[in-house]
Amino acid sequence: MPRIKSAKKRQRQTKVRTERNRAQKSALRTAVKKVRTATTAADAQVALVAAEAMLDRAGRKNLVHKNLASRTKSRLAKVVAAKAA
């Protein structure tokens, strides 16, 4: 356990940030999963719009790497296009 005041504060901040990041990553994974498991092309398109917005935000905030966000968006778009065809 930390004894120094600033180390205690850092520990509290880390705990809060870890919980926030975990919740946001979980929501992101759920959004991506909704696109992949959508039964109709229309449902997939709606889910894709939401997932792309979440991926962009996550990339900007360094929750995930920008390239990973971009790559995931591209792959999801291919999935939706295949469902539409």
PDB file of N, CA and C in Angstrom:
ATOM      1  N   MET A   1       0.840  -1.185   0.000  1.00  0.00           N
ATOM      2  CA  MET A   1       0.000   0.000   0.000  1.00  0.00           C
ATOM      3  C   MET A   1       0.885   1.248   0.000  1.00  0.00           C
ATOM      4  N   PRO A   2       0.476   2.247  -0.780  1.00  0.00           N
ATOM      5  CA  PRO A   2       1.278   3.463  -0.808  1.00  0.00           C
ATOM      6  C   PRO A   2       1.150   4.251   0.495  1.00  0.00           C
ATOM      7  N   ARG A   3       2.226   4.910   0.853  1.00  0.00           N
ATOM      8  CA  ARG A   3       2.232   5.731   2.072  1.00  0.00           C
ATOM      9  C   ARG A   3       2.181   7.220   1.720  1.00  0.00           C
ATOM     10  N   ILE A   4       2.697   7.550   0.561  1.00  0.00           N
ATOM     11  CA  ILE A   4       2.779   8.952   0.159  1.00  0.00           C
ATOM     12  C   ILE A   4       1.429   9.406  -0.387  1.00  0.00           C
ATOM     13  N   LYS A   5       1.068  10.628  -0.039  1.00  0.00           N
ATOM     14  CA  LYS A   5      -0.244  11.168  -0.392  1.00  0.00           C
ATOM     15  C   LYS A   5      -0.483  11.147  -1.907  1.00  0.00           C
ATOM     16  N   SER A   6       0.508  11.551  -2.671  1.00  0.00           N
ATOM     17  CA  SER A   6       0.343  11.604  -4.130  1.00  0.00           C
ATOM     18  C   SER A   6       0.200  10.204  -4.726  1.00  0.00           C
ATOM     19  N   ALA A   7       0.875   9.223  -4.116  1.00  0.00           N
ATOM     20  CA  ALA A   7       0.773   7.843  -4.589  1.00  0.00           C
ATOM     21  C   ALA A   7      -0.612   7.284  -4.297  1.00  0.00           C
ATOM     22  N   LYS A   8      -1.189   7.668  -3.162  1.00  0.00           N
ATOM     23  CA  LYS A   8      -2.555   7.243  -2.829  1.00  0.00           C
ATOM     24  C   LYS A   8      -3.552   7.819  -3.831  1.00  0.00           C
ATOM     25  N   LYS A   9      -3.358   9.084  -4.164  1.00  0.00           N
ATOM     26  CA  LYS A   9      -4.237   9.731  -5.141  1.00  0.00           C
ATOM     27  C   LYS A   9      -4.098   9.054  -6.497  1.00  0.00           C
ATOM     28  N   ARG A  10      -2.866   8.780  -6.891  1.00  0.00           N
ATOM     29  CA  ARG A  10      -2.617   8.116  -8.173  1.00  0.00           C
ATOM     30  C   ARG A  10      -3.322   6.759  -8.210  1.00  0.00           C
ATOM     31  N   GLN A  11      -3.298   6.049  -7.100  1.00  0.00           N
ATOM     32  CA  GLN A  11      -3.949   4.745  -7.018  1.00  0.00           C
ATOM     33  C   GLN A  11      -5.470   4.880  -7.194  1.00  0.00           C
ATOM     34  N   ARG A  12      -6.053   5.906  -6.557  1.00  0.00           N
ATOM     35  CA  ARG A  12      -7.495   6.153  -6.712  1.00  0.00           C
ATOM     36  C   ARG A  12      -7.836   6.489  -8.156  1.00  0.00           C
ATOM     37  N   GLN A  13      -7.021   7.339  -8.763  1.00  0.00           N
ATOM     38  CA  GLN A  13      -7.275   7.740 -10.144  1.00  0.00           C
ATOM     39  C   GLN A  13      -7.173   6.545 -11.092  1.00  0.00           C
ATOM     40  N   THR A  14      -6.186   5.708 -10.868  1.00  0.00           N
ATOM     41  CA  THR A  14      -5.993   4.534 -11.706  1.00  0.00           C
ATOM     42  C   THR A  14      -7.188   3.602 -11.624  1.00  0.00           C
ATOM     43  N   LYS A  15      -7.712   3.432 -10.408  1.00  0.00           N
ATOM     44  CA  LYS A  15      -8.866   2.558 -10.219  1.00  0.00           C
ATOM     45  C   LYS A  15     -10.082   3.076 -11.000  1.00  0.00           C
ATOM     46  N   VAL A  16     -10.322   4.381 -10.915  1.00  0.00           N
ATOM     47  CA  VAL A  16     -11.458   4.989 -11.620  1.00  0.00           C
ATOM     48  C   VAL A  16     -11.281   4.846 -13.129  1.00  0.00           C
ATOM     49  N   ARG A  17     -10.087   5.138 -13.614  1.00  0.00           N
ATOM     50  CA  ARG A  17      -9.828   5.063 -15.053  1.00  0.00           C
ATOM     51  C   ARG A  17      -9.936   3.635 -15.569  1.00  0.00           C
ATOM     52  N   THR A  18      -9.447   2.679 -14.794  1.00  0.00           N
ATOM     53  CA  THR A  18      -9.515   1.281 -15.201  1.00  0.00           C
ATOM     54  C   THR A  18     -10.960   0.838 -15.350  1.00  0.00           C
ATOM     55  N   GLU A  19     -11.806   1.207 -14.392  1.00  0.00           N
ATOM     56  CA  GLU A  19     -13.224   0.837 -14.463  1.00  0.00           C
ATOM     57  C   GLU A  19     -13.894   1.485 -15.670  1.00  0.00           C
ATOM     58  N   ARG A  20     -13.584   2.751 -15.909  1.00  0.00           N
ATOM     59  CA  ARG A  20     -14.180   3.458 -17.051  1.00  0.00           C
ATOM     60  C   ARG A  20     -13.742   2.819 -18.358  1.00  0.00           C
ATOM     61  N   ASN A  21     -12.448   2.531 -18.480  1.00  0.00           N
ATOM     62  CA  ASN A  21     -11.936   1.912 -19.707  1.00  0.00           C
ATOM     63  C   ASN A  21     -12.543   0.537 -19.925  1.00  0.00           C
ATOM     64  N   ARG A  22     -12.675  -0.230 -18.850  1.00  0.00           N
ATOM     65  CA  ARG A  22     -13.250  -1.566 -18.962  1.00  0.00           C
ATOM     66  C   ARG A  22     -14.688  -1.496 -19.463  1.00  0.00           C
ATOM     67  N   ALA A  23     -15.469  -0.570 -18.924  1.00  0.00           N
ATOM     68  CA  ALA A  23     -16.867  -0.420 -19.334  1.00  0.00           C
ATOM     69  C   ALA A  23     -16.963   0.024 -20.793  1.00  0.00           C
ATOM     70  N   GLN A  24     -16.112   0.965 -21.190  1.00  0.00           N
ATOM     71  CA  GLN A  24     -16.152   1.455 -22.568  1.00  0.00           C
ATOM     72  C   GLN A  24     -15.712   0.393 -23.562  1.00  0.00           C
ATOM     73  N   LYS A  25     -14.686  -0.382 -23.213  1.00  0.00           N
ATOM     74  CA  LYS A  25     -14.233  -1.454 -24.101  1.00  0.00           C
ATOM     75  C   LYS A  25     -15.300  -2.531 -24.238  1.00  0.00           C
ATOM     76  N   SER A  26     -15.966  -2.828 -23.133  1.00  0.00           N
ATOM     77  CA  SER A  26     -17.029  -3.823 -23.163  1.00  0.00           C
ATOM     78  C   SER A  26     -18.170  -3.359 -24.066  1.00  0.00           C
ATOM     79  N   ALA A  27     -18.559  -2.100 -23.939  1.00  0.00           N
ATOM     80  CA  ALA A  27     -19.624  -1.543 -24.777  1.00  0.00           C
ATOM     81  C   ALA A  27     -19.206  -1.561 -26.246  1.00  0.00           C
ATOM     82  N   LEU A  28     -17.938  -1.290 -26.510  1.00  0.00           N
ATOM     83  CA  LEU A  28     -17.423  -1.306 -27.871  1.00  0.00           C
ATOM     84  C   LEU A  28     -17.501  -2.712 -28.463  1.00  0.00           C
ATOM     85  N   ARG A  29     -17.063  -3.701 -27.693  1.00  0.00           N
ATOM     86  CA  ARG A  29     -17.120  -5.087 -28.165  1.00  0.00           C
ATOM     87  C   ARG A  29     -18.560  -5.527 -28.418  1.00  0.00           C
ATOM     88  N   THR A  30     -19.479  -5.088 -27.561  1.00  0.00           N
ATOM     89  CA  THR A  30     -20.885  -5.424 -27.734  1.00  0.00           C
ATOM     90  C   THR A  30     -21.432  -4.813 -29.018  1.00  0.00           C
ATOM     91  N   ALA A  31     -21.063  -3.564 -29.296  1.00  0.00           N
ATOM     92  CA  ALA A  31     -21.529  -2.889 -30.509  1.00  0.00           C
ATOM     93  C   ALA A  31     -21.020  -3.609 -31.759  1.00  0.00           C
ATOM     94  N   VAL A  32     -19.771  -4.030 -31.727  1.00  0.00           N
ATOM     95  CA  VAL A  32     -19.195  -4.754 -32.859  1.00  0.00           C
ATOM     96  C   VAL A  32     -19.904  -6.105 -33.041  1.00  0.00           C
ATOM     97  N   LYS A  33     -20.184  -6.760 -31.930  1.00  0.00           N
ATOM     98  CA  LYS A  33     -20.851  -8.056 -31.978  1.00  0.00           C
ATOM     99  C   LYS A  33     -22.260  -7.928 -32.558  1.00  0.00           C
ATOM    100  N   LYS A  34     -22.947  -6.825 -32.233  1.00  0.00           N
ATOM    101  CA  LYS A  34     -24.304  -6.614 -32.759  1.00  0.00           C
ATOM    102  C   LYS A  34     -24.298  -6.512 -34.276  1.00  0.00           C
ATOM    103  N   VAL A  35     -23.248  -5.924 -34.841  1.00  0.00           N
ATOM    104  CA  VAL A  35     -23.150  -5.832 -36.300  1.00  0.00           C
ATOM    105  C   VAL A  35     -22.991  -7.230 -36.881  1.00  0.00           C
ATOM    106  N   ARG A  36     -22.107  -8.005 -36.285  1.00  0.00           N
ATOM    107  CA  ARG A  36     -21.814  -9.339 -36.827  1.00  0.00           C
ATOM    108  C   ARG A  36     -22.982 -10.307 -36.678  1.00  0.00           C
ATOM    109  N   THR A  37     -23.764 -10.146 -35.620  1.00  0.00           N
ATOM    110  CA  THR A  37     -24.850 -11.103 -35.373  1.00  0.00           C
ATOM    111  C   THR A  37     -26.200 -10.610 -35.882  1.00  0.00           C
ATOM    112  N   ALA A  38     -26.226  -9.441 -36.532  1.00  0.00           N
ATOM    113  CA  ALA A  38     -27.494  -8.922 -37.056  1.00  0.00           C
ATOM    114  C   ALA A  38     -28.049  -9.885 -38.102  1.00  0.00           C
ATOM    115  N   THR A  39     -29.363 -10.090 -38.049  1.00  0.00           N
ATOM    116  CA  THR A  39     -29.988 -11.064 -38.955  1.00  0.00           C
ATOM    117  C   THR A  39     -30.337 -10.458 -40.305  1.00  0.00           C
ATOM    118  N   THR A  40     -30.738  -9.200 -40.319  1.00  0.00           N
ATOM    119  CA  THR A  40     -31.095  -8.562 -41.586  1.00  0.00           C
ATOM    120  C   THR A  40     -30.077  -7.501 -41.950  1.00  0.00           C
ATOM    121  N   ALA A  41     -30.061  -7.148 -43.237  1.00  0.00           N
ATOM    122  CA  ALA A  41     -29.124  -6.131 -43.708  1.00  0.00           C
ATOM    123  C   ALA A  41     -29.450  -4.770 -43.090  1.00  0.00           C
ATOM    124  N   ALA A  42     -30.745  -4.487 -42.904  1.00  0.00           N
ATOM    125  CA  ALA A  42     -31.138  -3.201 -42.327  1.00  0.00           C
ATOM    126  C   ALA A  42     -30.664  -3.086 -40.878  1.00  0.00           C
ATOM    127  N   ASP A  43     -30.843  -4.164 -40.106  1.00  0.00           N
ATOM    128  CA  ASP A  43     -30.372  -4.165 -38.721  1.00  0.00           C
ATOM    129  C   ASP A  43     -28.851  -4.004 -38.663  1.00  0.00           C
ATOM    130  N   ALA A  44     -28.172  -4.681 -39.566  1.00  0.00           N
ATOM    131  CA  ALA A  44     -26.713  -4.606 -39.603  1.00  0.00           C
ATOM    132  C   ALA A  44     -26.252  -3.190 -39.928  1.00  0.00           C
ATOM    133  N   GLN A  45     -26.960  -2.521 -40.841  1.00  0.00           N
ATOM    134  CA  GLN A  45     -26.583  -1.161 -41.227  1.00  0.00           C
ATOM    135  C   GLN A  45     -26.748  -0.199 -40.054  1.00  0.00           C
ATOM    136  N   VAL A  46     -27.852  -0.331 -39.320  1.00  0.00           N
ATOM    137  CA  VAL A  46     -28.083   0.528 -38.154  1.00  0.00           C
ATOM    138  C   VAL A  46     -27.014   0.275 -37.096  1.00  0.00           C
ATOM    139  N   ALA A  47     -26.712  -0.993 -36.849  1.00  0.00           N
ATOM    140  CA  ALA A  47     -25.700  -1.353 -35.858  1.00  0.00           C
ATOM    141  C   ALA A  47     -24.319  -0.875 -36.296  1.00  0.00           C
ATOM    142  N   LEU A  48     -24.064  -0.895 -37.619  1.00  0.00           N
ATOM    143  CA  LEU A  48     -22.765  -0.452 -38.138  1.00  0.00           C
ATOM    144  C   LEU A  48     -22.541   1.030 -37.865  1.00  0.00           C
ATOM    145  N   VAL A  49     -23.572   1.839 -38.052  1.00  0.00           N
ATOM    146  CA  VAL A  49     -23.436   3.275 -37.811  1.00  0.00           C
ATOM    147  C   VAL A  49     -23.051   3.529 -36.353  1.00  0.00           C
ATOM    148  N   ALA A  50     -23.737   2.835 -35.444  1.00  0.00           N
ATOM    149  CA  ALA A  50     -23.443   3.007 -34.014  1.00  0.00           C
ATOM    150  C   ALA A  50     -22.031   2.509 -33.679  1.00  0.00           C
ATOM    151  N   ALA A  51     -21.666   1.363 -34.234  1.00  0.00           N
ATOM    152  CA  ALA A  51     -20.346   0.792 -33.943  1.00  0.00           C
ATOM    153  C   ALA A  51     -19.226   1.674 -34.490  1.00  0.00           C
ATOM    154  N   GLU A  52     -19.426   2.222 -35.685  1.00  0.00           N
ATOM    155  CA  GLU A  52     -18.398   3.082 -36.267  1.00  0.00           C
ATOM    156  C   GLU A  52     -18.177   4.326 -35.407  1.00  0.00           C
ATOM    157  N   ALA A  53     -19.257   4.898 -34.896  1.00  0.00           N
ATOM    158  CA  ALA A  53     -19.122   6.075 -34.043  1.00  0.00           C
ATOM    159  C   ALA A  53     -18.343   5.729 -32.777  1.00  0.00           C
ATOM    160  N   MET A  54     -18.658   4.583 -32.187  1.00  0.00           N
ATOM    161  CA  MET A  54     -17.952   4.160 -30.969  1.00  0.00           C
ATOM    162  C   MET A  54     -16.479   3.878 -31.254  1.00  0.00           C
ATOM    163  N   LEU A  55     -16.206   3.244 -32.398  1.00  0.00           N
ATOM    164  CA  LEU A  55     -14.824   2.943 -32.756  1.00  0.00           C
ATOM    165  C   LEU A  55     -14.021   4.222 -32.995  1.00  0.00           C
ATOM    166  N   ASP A  56     -14.637   5.196 -33.680  1.00  0.00           N
ATOM    167  CA  ASP A  56     -13.948   6.470 -33.912  1.00  0.00           C
ATOM    168  C   ASP A  56     -13.616   7.152 -32.587  1.00  0.00           C
ATOM    169  N   ARG A  57     -14.592   7.167 -31.692  1.00  0.00           N
ATOM    170  CA  ARG A  57     -14.387   7.818 -30.394  1.00  0.00           C
ATOM    171  C   ARG A  57     -13.291   7.094 -29.612  1.00  0.00           C
ATOM    172  N   ALA A  58     -13.333   5.766 -29.626  1.00  0.00           N
ATOM    173  CA  ALA A  58     -12.336   4.979 -28.901  1.00  0.00           C
ATOM    174  C   ALA A  58     -10.937   5.214 -29.472  1.00  0.00           C
ATOM    175  N   GLY A  59     -10.836   5.350 -30.791  1.00  0.00           N
ATOM    176  CA  GLY A  59      -9.550   5.623 -31.427  1.00  0.00           C
ATOM    177  C   GLY A  59      -9.013   6.990 -31.058  1.00  0.00           C
ATOM    178  N   ARG A  60      -9.902   7.986 -31.021  1.00  0.00           N
ATOM    179  CA  ARG A  60      -9.485   9.338 -30.658  1.00  0.00           C
ATOM    180  C   ARG A  60      -9.005   9.407 -29.218  1.00  0.00           C
ATOM    181  N   LYS A  61      -9.655   8.667 -28.344  1.00  0.00           N
ATOM    182  CA  LYS A  61      -9.336   8.737 -26.914  1.00  0.00           C
ATOM    183  C   LYS A  61      -8.294   7.706 -26.482  1.00  0.00           C
ATOM    184  N   ASN A  62      -7.695   7.017 -27.448  1.00  0.00           N
ATOM    185  CA  ASN A  62      -6.657   6.018 -27.190  1.00  0.00           C
ATOM    186  C   ASN A  62      -7.142   4.850 -26.338  1.00  0.00           C
ATOM    187  N   LEU A  63      -8.424   4.570 -26.403  1.00  0.00           N
ATOM    188  CA  LEU A  63      -8.933   3.371 -25.751  1.00  0.00           C
ATOM    189  C   LEU A  63      -8.473   2.151 -26.544  1.00  0.00           C
ATOM    190  N   VAL A  64      -8.494   2.291 -27.858  1.00  0.00           N
ATOM    191  CA  VAL A  64      -7.897   1.317 -28.771  1.00  0.00           C
ATOM    192  C   VAL A  64      -7.033   2.103 -29.753  1.00  0.00           C
ATOM    193  N   HIS A  65      -6.123   1.426 -30.407  1.00  0.00           N
ATOM    194  CA  HIS A  65      -5.253   2.092 -31.369  1.00  0.00           C
ATOM    195  C   HIS A  65      -6.075   2.568 -32.569  1.00  0.00           C
ATOM    196  N   LYS A  66      -5.699   3.693 -33.145  1.00  0.00           N
ATOM    197  CA  LYS A  66      -6.433   4.252 -34.290  1.00  0.00           C
ATOM    198  C   LYS A  66      -6.519   3.265 -35.441  1.00  0.00           C
ATOM    199  N   ASN A  67      -5.421   2.571 -35.708  1.00  0.00           N
ATOM    200  CA  ASN A  67      -5.410   1.629 -36.823  1.00  0.00           C
ATOM    201  C   ASN A  67      -6.326   0.442 -36.549  1.00  0.00           C
ATOM    202  N   LEU A  68      -6.399   0.012 -35.297  1.00  0.00           N
ATOM    203  CA  LEU A  68      -7.306  -1.084 -34.951  1.00  0.00           C
ATOM    204  C   LEU A  68      -8.755  -0.646 -35.171  1.00  0.00           C
ATOM    205  N   ALA A  69      -9.072   0.575 -34.793  1.00  0.00           N
ATOM    206  CA  ALA A  69     -10.423   1.099 -34.998  1.00  0.00           C
ATOM    207  C   ALA A  69     -10.746   1.143 -36.486  1.00  0.00           C
ATOM    208  N   SER A  70      -9.821   1.639 -37.270  1.00  0.00           N
ATOM    209  CA  SER A  70     -10.013   1.745 -38.710  1.00  0.00           C
ATOM    210  C   SER A  70     -10.165   0.368 -39.352  1.00  0.00           C
ATOM    211  N   ARG A  71      -9.327  -0.553 -38.952  1.00  0.00           N
ATOM    212  CA  ARG A  71      -9.362  -1.914 -39.495  1.00  0.00           C
ATOM    213  C   ARG A  71     -10.676  -2.597 -39.153  1.00  0.00           C
ATOM    214  N   THR A  72     -11.136  -2.421 -37.928  1.00  0.00           N
ATOM    215  CA  THR A  72     -12.393  -3.031 -37.497  1.00  0.00           C
ATOM    216  C   THR A  72     -13.562  -2.451 -38.270  1.00  0.00           C
ATOM    217  N   LYS A  73     -13.564  -1.130 -38.471  1.00  0.00           N
ATOM    218  CA  LYS A  73     -14.628  -0.491 -39.246  1.00  0.00           C
ATOM    219  C   LYS A  73     -14.674  -1.051 -40.661  1.00  0.00           C
ATOM    220  N   SER A  74     -13.515  -1.226 -41.257  1.00  0.00           N
ATOM    221  CA  SER A  74     -13.432  -1.754 -42.614  1.00  0.00           C
ATOM    222  C   SER A  74     -13.991  -3.175 -42.687  1.00  0.00           C
ATOM    223  N   ARG A  75     -13.616  -3.988 -41.735  1.00  0.00           N
ATOM    224  CA  ARG A  75     -14.082  -5.377 -41.729  1.00  0.00           C
ATOM    225  C   ARG A  75     -15.585  -5.463 -41.485  1.00  0.00           C
ATOM    226  N   LEU A  76     -16.085  -4.604 -40.608  1.00  0.00           N
ATOM    227  CA  LEU A  76     -17.527  -4.598 -40.351  1.00  0.00           C
ATOM    228  C   LEU A  76     -18.291  -4.144 -41.595  1.00  0.00           C
ATOM    229  N   ALA A  77     -17.746  -3.184 -42.319  1.00  0.00           N
ATOM    230  CA  ALA A  77     -18.395  -2.713 -43.554  1.00  0.00           C
ATOM    231  C   ALA A  77     -18.486  -3.839 -44.562  1.00  0.00           C
ATOM    232  N   LYS A  78     -17.448  -4.650 -44.630  1.00  0.00           N
ATOM    233  CA  LYS A  78     -17.465  -5.809 -45.537  1.00  0.00           C
ATOM    234  C   LYS A  78     -18.535  -6.814 -45.133  1.00  0.00           C
ATOM    235  N   VAL A  79     -18.691  -7.014 -43.830  1.00  0.00           N
ATOM    236  CA  VAL A  79     -19.701  -7.934 -43.313  1.00  0.00           C
ATOM    237  C   VAL A  79     -21.105  -7.440 -43.684  1.00  0.00           C
ATOM    238  N   VAL A  80     -21.339  -6.147 -43.508  1.00  0.00           N
ATOM    239  CA  VAL A  80     -22.655  -5.567 -43.824  1.00  0.00           C
ATOM    240  C   VAL A  80     -22.921  -5.641 -45.320  1.00  0.00           C
ATOM    241  N   ALA A  81     -21.902  -5.382 -46.131  1.00  0.00           N
ATOM    242  CA  ALA A  81     -22.066  -5.458 -47.582  1.00  0.00           C
ATOM    243  C   ALA A  81     -22.404  -6.880 -48.019  1.00  0.00           C
ATOM    244  N   ALA A  82     -21.794  -7.864 -47.368  1.00  0.00           N
ATOM    245  CA  ALA A  82     -22.081  -9.264 -47.698  1.00  0.00           C
ATOM    246  C   ALA A  82     -23.513  -9.635 -47.321  1.00  0.00           C
ATOM    247  N   LYS A  83     -23.996  -9.089 -46.201  1.00  0.00           N
ATOM    248  CA  LYS A  83     -25.372  -9.370 -45.790  1.00  0.00           C
ATOM    249  C   LYS A  83     -26.371  -8.724 -46.735  1.00  0.00           C
ATOM    250  N   ALA A  84     -25.992  -7.561 -47.273  1.00  0.00           N
ATOM    251  CA  ALA A  84     -26.892  -6.848 -48.185  1.00  0.00           C
ATOM    252  C   ALA A  84     -26.976  -7.550 -49.533  1.00  0.00           C
ATOM    253  N   ALA A  85     -25.917  -8.242 -49.914  1.00  0.00           N
ATOM    254  CA  ALA A  85     -25.874  -8.898 -51.225  1.00  0.00           C
ATOM    255  C   ALA A  85     -26.598 -10.237 -51.225  1.00  0.00           C
TER     256      ALA A  85
END
